Amino acid sequence: MKGKFIQHQRWMLLWVIQRDSSQKSRTRLTM
């Protein structure tokens, strides 16, 4: 259970980083 939770947290972190980087590139394009 705990191992699964840690895996989920890592997946969420990766997703947030991907979303953040895509947002940054998008704002860079608009600027």
PDB file of N, CA and C in Angstrom:
ATOM      1  N   MET A   1       0.839  -1.204   0.000  1.00  0.00           N
ATOM      2  CA  MET A   1       0.000   0.000   0.000  1.00  0.00           C
ATOM      3  C   MET A   1       0.881   1.265   0.000  1.00  0.00           C
ATOM      4  N   LYS A   2       1.852   1.277   0.920  1.00  0.00           N
ATOM      5  CA  LYS A   2       2.716   2.455   1.010  1.00  0.00           C
ATOM      6  C   LYS A   2       3.552   2.616  -0.263  1.00  0.00           C
ATOM      7  N   GLY A   3       4.070   1.478  -0.773  1.00  0.00           N
ATOM      8  CA  GLY A   3       4.865   1.533  -1.994  1.00  0.00           C
ATOM      9  C   GLY A   3       4.053   2.076  -3.163  1.00  0.00           C
ATOM     10  N   LYS A   4       2.784   1.661  -3.239  1.00  0.00           N
ATOM     11  CA  LYS A   4       1.908   2.126  -4.315  1.00  0.00           C
ATOM     12  C   LYS A   4       1.687   3.634  -4.196  1.00  0.00           C
ATOM     13  N   PHE A   5       1.526   4.100  -2.958  1.00  0.00           N
ATOM     14  CA  PHE A   5       1.289   5.524  -2.718  1.00  0.00           C
ATOM     15  C   PHE A   5       2.501   6.344  -3.161  1.00  0.00           C
ATOM     16  N   ILE A   6       3.702   5.856  -2.828  1.00  0.00           N
ATOM     17  CA  ILE A   6       4.933   6.546  -3.214  1.00  0.00           C
ATOM     18  C   ILE A   6       5.037   6.592  -4.739  1.00  0.00           C
ATOM     19  N   GLN A   7       4.697   5.487  -5.398  1.00  0.00           N
ATOM     20  CA  GLN A   7       4.732   5.436  -6.863  1.00  0.00           C
ATOM     21  C   GLN A   7       3.764   6.471  -7.445  1.00  0.00           C
ATOM     22  N   HIS A   8       2.586   6.590  -6.838  1.00  0.00           N
ATOM     23  CA  HIS A   8       1.575   7.538  -7.298  1.00  0.00           C
ATOM     24  C   HIS A   8       2.089   8.969  -7.139  1.00  0.00           C
ATOM     25  N   GLN A   9       2.728   9.245  -5.998  1.00  0.00           N
ATOM     26  CA  GLN A   9       3.268  10.581  -5.740  1.00  0.00           C
ATOM     27  C   GLN A   9       4.301  10.951  -6.800  1.00  0.00           C
ATOM     28  N   ARG A  10       5.162   9.984  -7.148  1.00  0.00           N
ATOM     29  CA  ARG A  10       6.209  10.221  -8.156  1.00  0.00           C
ATOM     30  C   ARG A  10       5.566  10.515  -9.505  1.00  0.00           C
ATOM     31  N   TRP A  11       4.494   9.778  -9.839  1.00  0.00           N
ATOM     32  CA  TRP A  11       3.795   9.984 -11.109  1.00  0.00           C
ATOM     33  C   TRP A  11       3.168  11.378 -11.152  1.00  0.00           C
ATOM     34  N   MET A  12       2.563  11.779 -10.031  1.00  0.00           N
ATOM     35  CA  MET A  12       1.948  13.102  -9.953  1.00  0.00           C
ATOM     36  C   MET A  12       3.004  14.191 -10.114  1.00  0.00           C
ATOM     37  N   LEU A  13       4.168  13.996  -9.471  1.00  0.00           N
ATOM     38  CA  LEU A  13       5.246  14.979  -9.556  1.00  0.00           C
ATOM     39  C   LEU A  13       5.711  15.126 -11.002  1.00  0.00           C
ATOM     40  N   LEU A  14       5.872  13.988 -11.697  1.00  0.00           N
ATOM     41  CA  LEU A  14       6.297  14.014 -13.100  1.00  0.00           C
ATOM     42  C   LEU A  14       5.267  14.743 -13.953  1.00  0.00           C
ATOM     43  N   TRP A  15       3.971  14.484 -13.679  1.00  0.00           N
ATOM     44  CA  TRP A  15       2.897  15.111 -14.447  1.00  0.00           C
ATOM     45  C   TRP A  15       2.906  16.623 -14.240  1.00  0.00           C
ATOM     46  N   VAL A  16       3.096  17.039 -12.981  1.00  0.00           N
ATOM     47  CA  VAL A  16       3.117  18.472 -12.660  1.00  0.00           C
ATOM     48  C   VAL A  16       4.296  19.154 -13.351  1.00  0.00           C
ATOM     49  N   ILE A  17       5.456  18.492 -13.342  1.00  0.00           N
ATOM     50  CA  ILE A  17       6.652  19.055 -13.983  1.00  0.00           C
ATOM     51  C   ILE A  17       6.417  19.189 -15.487  1.00  0.00           C
ATOM     52  N   GLN A  18       5.841  18.166 -16.100  1.00  0.00           N
ATOM     53  CA  GLN A  18       5.559  18.212 -17.543  1.00  0.00           C
ATOM     54  C   GLN A  18       4.602  19.350 -17.863  1.00  0.00           C
ATOM     55  N   ARG A  19       3.531  19.476 -17.054  1.00  0.00           N
ATOM     56  CA  ARG A  19       2.532  20.513 -17.279  1.00  0.00           C
ATOM     57  C   ARG A  19       3.166  21.895 -17.109  1.00  0.00           C
ATOM     58  N   ASP A  20       4.008  22.032 -16.078  1.00  0.00           N
ATOM     59  CA  ASP A  20       4.647  23.313 -15.796  1.00  0.00           C
ATOM     60  C   ASP A  20       5.566  23.722 -16.944  1.00  0.00           C
ATOM     61  N   SER A  21       6.356  22.775 -17.446  1.00  0.00           N
ATOM     62  CA  SER A  21       7.290  23.076 -18.535  1.00  0.00           C
ATOM     63  C   SER A  21       6.526  23.437 -19.809  1.00  0.00           C
ATOM     64  N   SER A  22       5.397  22.769 -20.050  1.00  0.00           N
ATOM     65  CA  SER A  22       4.610  23.062 -21.250  1.00  0.00           C
ATOM     66  C   SER A  22       3.977  24.448 -21.126  1.00  0.00           C
ATOM     67  N   GLN A  23       3.562  24.813 -19.901  1.00  0.00           N
ATOM     68  CA  GLN A  23       2.989  26.142 -19.674  1.00  0.00           C
ATOM     69  C   GLN A  23       4.050  27.216 -19.895  1.00  0.00           C
ATOM     70  N   LYS A  24       5.284  26.948 -19.425  1.00  0.00           N
ATOM     71  CA  LYS A  24       6.372  27.911 -19.569  1.00  0.00           C
ATOM     72  C   LYS A  24       6.684  28.142 -21.039  1.00  0.00           C
ATOM     73  N   SER A  25       6.755  27.064 -21.826  1.00  0.00           N
ATOM     74  CA  SER A  25       7.051  27.194 -23.253  1.00  0.00           C
ATOM     75  C   SER A  25       5.906  27.931 -23.955  1.00  0.00           C
ATOM     76  N   ARG A  26       4.677  27.715 -23.480  1.00  0.00           N
ATOM     77  CA  ARG A  26       3.517  28.366 -24.076  1.00  0.00           C
ATOM     78  C   ARG A  26       3.576  29.872 -23.807  1.00  0.00           C
ATOM     79  N   THR A  27       3.925  30.243 -22.555  1.00  0.00           N
ATOM     80  CA  THR A  27       4.009  31.665 -22.215  1.00  0.00           C
ATOM     81  C   THR A  27       5.165  32.311 -22.970  1.00  0.00           C
ATOM     82  N   ARG A  28       6.228  31.561 -23.185  1.00  0.00           N
ATOM     83  CA  ARG A  28       7.387  32.080 -23.919  1.00  0.00           C
ATOM     84  C   ARG A  28       6.985  32.371 -25.368  1.00  0.00           C
ATOM     85  N   LEU A  29       6.122  31.517 -25.921  1.00  0.00           N
ATOM     86  CA  LEU A  29       5.681  31.703 -27.302  1.00  0.00           C
ATOM     87  C   LEU A  29       4.803  32.951 -27.413  1.00  0.00           C
ATOM     88  N   THR A  30       3.923  33.162 -26.428  1.00  0.00           N
ATOM     89  CA  THR A  30       3.034  34.317 -26.458  1.00  0.00           C
ATOM     90  C   THR A  30       3.816  35.609 -26.239  1.00  0.00           C
ATOM     91  N   MET A  31       4.903  35.546 -25.463  1.00  0.00           N
ATOM     92  CA  MET A  31       5.730  36.727 -25.216  1.00  0.00           C
ATOM     93  C   MET A  31       6.546  37.038 -26.472  1.00  0.00           C
TER      94      MET A  31
END
